[in-house]
Amino acid sequence: MFEKRKKNRIKAISRILPLAIVFAVVAAVIVSLPSFGRESGYIRADAVEDTIRKYVIQCYALEGSYPPGLDYLAKNYGLILDDGRYVYYYDAFAANIMPDIEVYSRREEKGGK
């Protein structure tokens, strides 16, 4: 009789354990989704910033000076700016000094880049 109880417990554990593991994995994914969204916003803003930097360098290579502003790049080089999603900071100190470029996601304006 004791052997039968032991076998029943093992069967019950072998049925419950996979369900518990699946539940734990699903719970971990659900909990991590909001931070994944924030991180991907940072990554996208960084990618936009890198793209702008490439346009700036291309302008310098072709014209011998850095562009005075992002509007110049949009007009003359076809840069597309999404003002609805991003806030752009572009500070051109002089025509021969690389400008400061920063891009912030509008959803993340309060917390950072």
N, C-alpha and C. Protein backbone atom coordinates (compact mmCIF):
# COMPACT_ATOMS: atom_id res chain seq x y z
N MET A 1 0.81 -1.19 0.00
CA MET A 1 0.00 0.00 0.00
C MET A 1 0.86 1.26 0.00
N PHE A 2 1.92 1.22 0.78
CA PHE A 2 2.84 2.36 0.82
C PHE A 2 3.47 2.59 -0.54
N GLU A 3 3.80 1.51 -1.23
CA GLU A 3 4.38 1.61 -2.58
C GLU A 3 3.40 2.27 -3.54
N LYS A 4 2.11 1.94 -3.42
CA LYS A 4 1.10 2.50 -4.31
C LYS A 4 0.98 4.01 -4.10
N ARG A 5 0.99 4.47 -2.83
CA ARG A 5 0.93 5.91 -2.53
C ARG A 5 2.15 6.63 -3.10
N LYS A 6 3.29 6.02 -2.96
CA LYS A 6 4.52 6.61 -3.46
C LYS A 6 4.46 6.76 -4.98
N LYS A 7 3.96 5.73 -5.67
CA LYS A 7 3.82 5.79 -7.12
C LYS A 7 2.82 6.86 -7.53
N ASN A 8 1.72 6.99 -6.79
CA ASN A 8 0.72 8.02 -7.09
C ASN A 8 1.29 9.42 -6.91
N ARG A 9 2.10 9.61 -5.86
CA ARG A 9 2.74 10.91 -5.65
C ARG A 9 3.70 11.24 -6.79
N ILE A 10 4.46 10.27 -7.20
CA ILE A 10 5.41 10.49 -8.29
C ILE A 10 4.67 10.83 -9.57
N LYS A 11 3.55 10.13 -9.84
CA LYS A 11 2.75 10.43 -11.02
C LYS A 11 2.18 11.85 -10.94
N ALA A 12 1.68 12.22 -9.77
CA ALA A 12 1.11 13.56 -9.60
C ALA A 12 2.19 14.63 -9.79
N ILE A 13 3.35 14.41 -9.23
CA ILE A 13 4.46 15.37 -9.38
C ILE A 13 4.90 15.44 -10.83
N SER A 14 4.95 14.31 -11.51
CA SER A 14 5.39 14.32 -12.91
C SER A 14 4.37 15.00 -13.81
N ARG A 15 3.12 15.09 -13.38
CA ARG A 15 2.11 15.82 -14.15
C ARG A 15 2.14 17.31 -13.82
N ILE A 16 2.35 17.64 -12.58
CA ILE A 16 2.30 19.04 -12.13
C ILE A 16 3.58 19.79 -12.45
N LEU A 17 4.72 19.16 -12.36
CA LEU A 17 6.00 19.83 -12.56
C LEU A 17 6.13 20.50 -13.93
N PRO A 18 5.81 19.83 -15.04
CA PRO A 18 5.89 20.53 -16.33
C PRO A 18 4.95 21.73 -16.42
N LEU A 19 3.76 21.61 -15.85
CA LEU A 19 2.83 22.74 -15.83
C LEU A 19 3.38 23.89 -15.00
N ALA A 20 4.00 23.58 -13.89
CA ALA A 20 4.58 24.63 -13.05
C ALA A 20 5.73 25.33 -13.79
N ILE A 21 6.54 24.58 -14.51
CA ILE A 21 7.65 25.17 -15.26
C ILE A 21 7.11 26.07 -16.36
N VAL A 22 6.10 25.60 -17.10
CA VAL A 22 5.51 26.42 -18.16
C VAL A 22 4.90 27.68 -17.56
N PHE A 23 4.20 27.55 -16.45
CA PHE A 23 3.61 28.72 -15.80
C PHE A 23 4.69 29.71 -15.37
N ALA A 24 5.80 29.22 -14.82
CA ALA A 24 6.89 30.10 -14.40
C ALA A 24 7.50 30.84 -15.58
N VAL A 25 7.69 30.15 -16.69
CA VAL A 25 8.26 30.78 -17.88
C VAL A 25 7.31 31.85 -18.42
N VAL A 26 6.02 31.53 -18.50
CA VAL A 26 5.04 32.49 -18.99
C VAL A 26 4.98 33.71 -18.06
N ALA A 27 5.01 33.50 -16.78
CA ALA A 27 4.99 34.61 -15.82
C ALA A 27 6.23 35.48 -15.97
N ALA A 28 7.38 34.87 -16.17
CA ALA A 28 8.62 35.64 -16.35
C ALA A 28 8.55 36.48 -17.62
N VAL A 29 8.00 35.93 -18.69
CA VAL A 29 7.88 36.68 -19.94
C VAL A 29 6.93 37.86 -19.76
N ILE A 30 5.80 37.63 -19.11
CA ILE A 30 4.83 38.70 -18.89
C ILE A 30 5.42 39.81 -18.03
N VAL A 31 6.15 39.45 -17.01
CA VAL A 31 6.75 40.46 -16.14
C VAL A 31 7.83 41.26 -16.86
N SER A 32 8.56 40.64 -17.77
CA SER A 32 9.68 41.33 -18.44
C SER A 32 9.24 42.13 -19.66
N LEU A 33 8.03 41.98 -20.15
CA LEU A 33 7.60 42.69 -21.35
C LEU A 33 7.68 44.21 -21.23
N PRO A 34 7.23 44.84 -20.15
CA PRO A 34 7.33 46.31 -20.09
C PRO A 34 8.77 46.82 -20.18
N SER A 35 9.70 46.16 -19.53
CA SER A 35 11.09 46.62 -19.62
C SER A 35 11.66 46.36 -21.00
N PHE A 36 11.21 45.33 -21.66
CA PHE A 36 11.67 45.07 -23.04
C PHE A 36 11.23 46.20 -23.95
N GLY A 37 10.01 46.69 -23.77
CA GLY A 37 9.52 47.81 -24.56
C GLY A 37 10.35 49.06 -24.34
N ARG A 38 10.72 49.32 -23.10
CA ARG A 38 11.56 50.48 -22.81
C ARG A 38 12.93 50.33 -23.44
N GLU A 39 13.51 49.16 -23.32
CA GLU A 39 14.83 48.93 -23.89
C GLU A 39 14.81 49.06 -25.40
N SER A 40 13.78 48.54 -26.03
CA SER A 40 13.73 48.65 -27.48
C SER A 40 13.54 50.09 -27.92
N GLY A 41 12.86 50.91 -27.10
CA GLY A 41 12.75 52.34 -27.39
C GLY A 41 14.11 53.01 -27.36
N TYR A 42 14.94 52.62 -26.38
CA TYR A 42 16.30 53.17 -26.31
C TYR A 42 17.10 52.76 -27.54
N ILE A 43 16.97 51.50 -27.92
CA ILE A 43 17.73 50.99 -29.05
C ILE A 43 17.33 51.70 -30.33
N ARG A 44 16.02 51.90 -30.52
CA ARG A 44 15.56 52.60 -31.73
C ARG A 44 16.06 54.04 -31.74
N ALA A 45 16.02 54.73 -30.61
CA ALA A 45 16.51 56.10 -30.56
C ALA A 45 18.01 56.14 -30.86
N ASP A 46 18.75 55.17 -30.36
CA ASP A 46 20.18 55.11 -30.65
C ASP A 46 20.43 54.86 -32.13
N ALA A 47 19.60 54.02 -32.75
CA ALA A 47 19.75 53.75 -34.18
C ALA A 47 19.46 55.01 -35.00
N VAL A 48 18.45 55.77 -34.60
CA VAL A 48 18.13 57.02 -35.30
C VAL A 48 19.28 58.00 -35.14
N GLU A 49 19.83 58.08 -33.94
CA GLU A 49 20.97 58.96 -33.68
C GLU A 49 22.17 58.57 -34.55
N ASP A 50 22.44 57.29 -34.67
CA ASP A 50 23.54 56.83 -35.52
C ASP A 50 23.30 57.17 -36.99
N THR A 51 22.06 57.05 -37.43
CA THR A 51 21.72 57.39 -38.81
C THR A 51 21.96 58.87 -39.08
N ILE A 52 21.53 59.71 -38.15
CA ILE A 52 21.75 61.16 -38.32
C ILE A 52 23.24 61.46 -38.36
N ARG A 53 24.00 60.79 -37.50
CA ARG A 53 25.45 61.00 -37.46
C ARG A 53 26.08 60.63 -38.81
N LYS A 54 25.60 59.57 -39.44
CA LYS A 54 26.12 59.16 -40.75
C LYS A 54 25.80 60.22 -41.81
N TYR A 55 24.60 60.78 -41.75
CA TYR A 55 24.24 61.86 -42.68
C TYR A 55 25.14 63.07 -42.47
N VAL A 56 25.41 63.40 -41.21
CA VAL A 56 26.27 64.55 -40.89
C VAL A 56 27.68 64.33 -41.44
N ILE A 57 28.20 63.14 -41.27
CA ILE A 57 29.54 62.83 -41.76
C ILE A 57 29.57 62.84 -43.28
N GLN A 58 28.52 62.35 -43.90
CA GLN A 58 28.45 62.37 -45.36
C GLN A 58 28.44 63.82 -45.87
N CYS A 59 27.69 64.67 -45.21
CA CYS A 59 27.65 66.08 -45.59
C CYS A 59 29.03 66.71 -45.46
N TYR A 60 29.72 66.40 -44.37
CA TYR A 60 31.06 66.95 -44.16
C TYR A 60 32.02 66.45 -45.24
N ALA A 61 31.89 65.18 -45.60
CA ALA A 61 32.78 64.61 -46.63
C ALA A 61 32.54 65.25 -47.98
N LEU A 62 31.29 65.56 -48.29
CA LEU A 62 30.97 66.12 -49.60
C LEU A 62 31.16 67.63 -49.68
N GLU A 63 30.87 68.33 -48.60
CA GLU A 63 30.86 69.79 -48.65
C GLU A 63 32.02 70.45 -47.89
N GLY A 64 32.69 69.70 -47.03
CA GLY A 64 33.80 70.26 -46.29
C GLY A 64 33.39 70.98 -45.01
N SER A 65 32.11 70.95 -44.67
CA SER A 65 31.65 71.54 -43.41
C SER A 65 30.44 70.75 -42.92
N TYR A 66 30.25 70.79 -41.61
CA TYR A 66 29.11 70.10 -41.02
C TYR A 66 27.85 70.91 -41.28
N PRO A 67 26.70 70.26 -41.39
CA PRO A 67 25.47 70.99 -41.68
C PRO A 67 25.06 71.88 -40.51
N PRO A 68 24.42 73.02 -40.80
CA PRO A 68 24.03 73.93 -39.73
C PRO A 68 22.87 73.40 -38.88
N GLY A 69 22.08 72.49 -39.43
CA GLY A 69 20.95 71.95 -38.68
C GLY A 69 20.36 70.74 -39.36
N LEU A 70 19.44 70.10 -38.67
CA LEU A 70 18.82 68.90 -39.22
C LEU A 70 17.93 69.22 -40.42
N ASP A 71 17.37 70.42 -40.45
CA ASP A 71 16.54 70.81 -41.59
C ASP A 71 17.37 70.81 -42.88
N TYR A 72 18.62 71.21 -42.78
CA TYR A 72 19.51 71.22 -43.93
C TYR A 72 19.70 69.80 -44.46
N LEU A 73 19.86 68.85 -43.54
CA LEU A 73 20.02 67.46 -43.96
C LEU A 73 18.74 66.92 -44.58
N ALA A 74 17.61 67.30 -44.03
CA ALA A 74 16.33 66.84 -44.58
C ALA A 74 16.13 67.40 -45.98
N LYS A 75 16.46 68.67 -46.16
CA LYS A 75 16.23 69.32 -47.45
C LYS A 75 17.21 68.86 -48.52
N ASN A 76 18.49 68.77 -48.18
CA ASN A 76 19.52 68.51 -49.17
C ASN A 76 19.99 67.05 -49.28
N TYR A 77 19.74 66.26 -48.25
CA TYR A 77 20.23 64.89 -48.25
C TYR A 77 19.13 63.84 -48.08
N GLY A 78 17.90 64.28 -47.95
CA GLY A 78 16.79 63.34 -47.86
C GLY A 78 16.58 62.69 -46.51
N LEU A 79 17.16 63.26 -45.46
CA LEU A 79 16.95 62.72 -44.12
C LEU A 79 15.48 62.89 -43.74
N ILE A 80 14.86 61.83 -43.28
CA ILE A 80 13.46 61.89 -42.85
C ILE A 80 13.43 61.89 -41.33
N LEU A 81 12.84 62.94 -40.77
CA LEU A 81 12.74 63.08 -39.32
C LEU A 81 11.31 62.79 -38.88
N ASP A 82 11.17 62.02 -37.83
CA ASP A 82 9.84 61.68 -37.29
C ASP A 82 9.65 62.44 -35.98
N ASP A 83 9.15 63.66 -36.10
CA ASP A 83 8.97 64.51 -34.91
C ASP A 83 7.89 63.98 -33.97
N GLY A 84 7.03 63.12 -34.46
CA GLY A 84 6.00 62.54 -33.61
C GLY A 84 6.54 61.50 -32.65
N ARG A 85 7.61 60.84 -33.02
CA ARG A 85 8.18 59.77 -32.18
C ARG A 85 9.43 60.18 -31.43
N TYR A 86 10.16 61.15 -31.96
CA TYR A 86 11.46 61.48 -31.38
C TYR A 86 11.63 62.98 -31.17
N VAL A 87 12.46 63.30 -30.19
CA VAL A 87 12.89 64.67 -29.95
C VAL A 87 14.37 64.70 -30.33
N TYR A 88 14.74 65.68 -31.14
CA TYR A 88 16.11 65.75 -31.65
C TYR A 88 16.84 66.93 -31.01
N TYR A 89 18.08 66.67 -30.61
CA TYR A 89 18.95 67.74 -30.13
C TYR A 89 20.15 67.78 -31.08
N TYR A 90 20.35 68.92 -31.70
CA TYR A 90 21.45 69.08 -32.65
C TYR A 90 22.10 70.41 -32.36
N ASP A 91 23.35 70.39 -31.93
CA ASP A 91 24.06 71.62 -31.59
C ASP A 91 25.33 71.70 -32.42
N ALA A 92 25.28 72.56 -33.45
CA ALA A 92 26.45 72.76 -34.31
C ALA A 92 27.20 73.98 -33.81
N PHE A 93 28.34 73.76 -33.19
CA PHE A 93 29.14 74.84 -32.63
C PHE A 93 29.85 75.62 -33.73
N ALA A 94 30.45 74.90 -34.65
CA ALA A 94 31.17 75.53 -35.77
C ALA A 94 31.12 74.57 -36.95
N ALA A 95 31.37 75.09 -38.13
CA ALA A 95 31.26 74.29 -39.35
C ALA A 95 32.32 73.19 -39.44
N ASN A 96 33.41 73.33 -38.68
CA ASN A 96 34.48 72.33 -38.75
C ASN A 96 34.57 71.45 -37.51
N ILE A 97 33.61 71.55 -36.61
CA ILE A 97 33.58 70.74 -35.39
C ILE A 97 32.32 69.88 -35.41
N MET A 98 32.51 68.58 -35.15
CA MET A 98 31.38 67.65 -35.16
C MET A 98 30.31 68.12 -34.18
N PRO A 99 29.07 68.26 -34.64
CA PRO A 99 28.00 68.74 -33.75
C PRO A 99 27.59 67.69 -32.73
N ASP A 100 27.00 68.15 -31.63
CA ASP A 100 26.42 67.24 -30.64
C ASP A 100 25.07 66.79 -31.17
N ILE A 101 24.84 65.50 -31.16
CA ILE A 101 23.59 64.94 -31.67
C ILE A 101 23.03 64.01 -30.61
N GLU A 102 21.77 64.22 -30.26
CA GLU A 102 21.09 63.34 -29.32
C GLU A 102 19.66 63.15 -29.80
N VAL A 103 19.15 61.94 -29.64
CA VAL A 103 17.78 61.62 -30.03
C VAL A 103 17.11 60.95 -28.84
N TYR A 104 15.91 61.44 -28.50
CA TYR A 104 15.13 60.88 -27.40
C TYR A 104 13.79 60.42 -27.92
N SER A 105 13.36 59.26 -27.45
CA SER A 105 12.03 58.77 -27.80
C SER A 105 11.01 59.58 -27.02
N ARG A 106 9.95 60.03 -27.67
CA ARG A 106 8.93 60.85 -27.00
C ARG A 106 8.26 60.10 -25.87
N ARG A 107 8.07 58.79 -25.97
CA ARG A 107 7.44 58.05 -24.88
C ARG A 107 8.35 58.01 -23.66
N GLU A 108 9.64 58.11 -23.87
CA GLU A 108 10.61 57.99 -22.78
C GLU A 108 11.14 59.34 -22.35
N GLU A 109 10.51 60.43 -22.78
CA GLU A 109 11.01 61.76 -22.46
C GLU A 109 11.23 61.95 -20.97
N LYS A 110 10.30 61.43 -20.15
CA LYS A 110 10.37 61.64 -18.71
C LYS A 110 11.53 60.91 -18.06
N GLY A 111 11.82 59.68 -18.58
CA GLY A 111 12.79 58.84 -17.90
C GLY A 111 14.16 58.80 -18.51
N GLY A 112 14.36 59.29 -19.69
CA GLY A 112 15.69 59.24 -20.29
C GLY A 112 15.62 59.06 -21.77
N LYS A 113 16.71 58.60 -22.30
CA LYS A 113 16.88 58.45 -23.75
C LYS A 113 16.04 57.35 -24.31
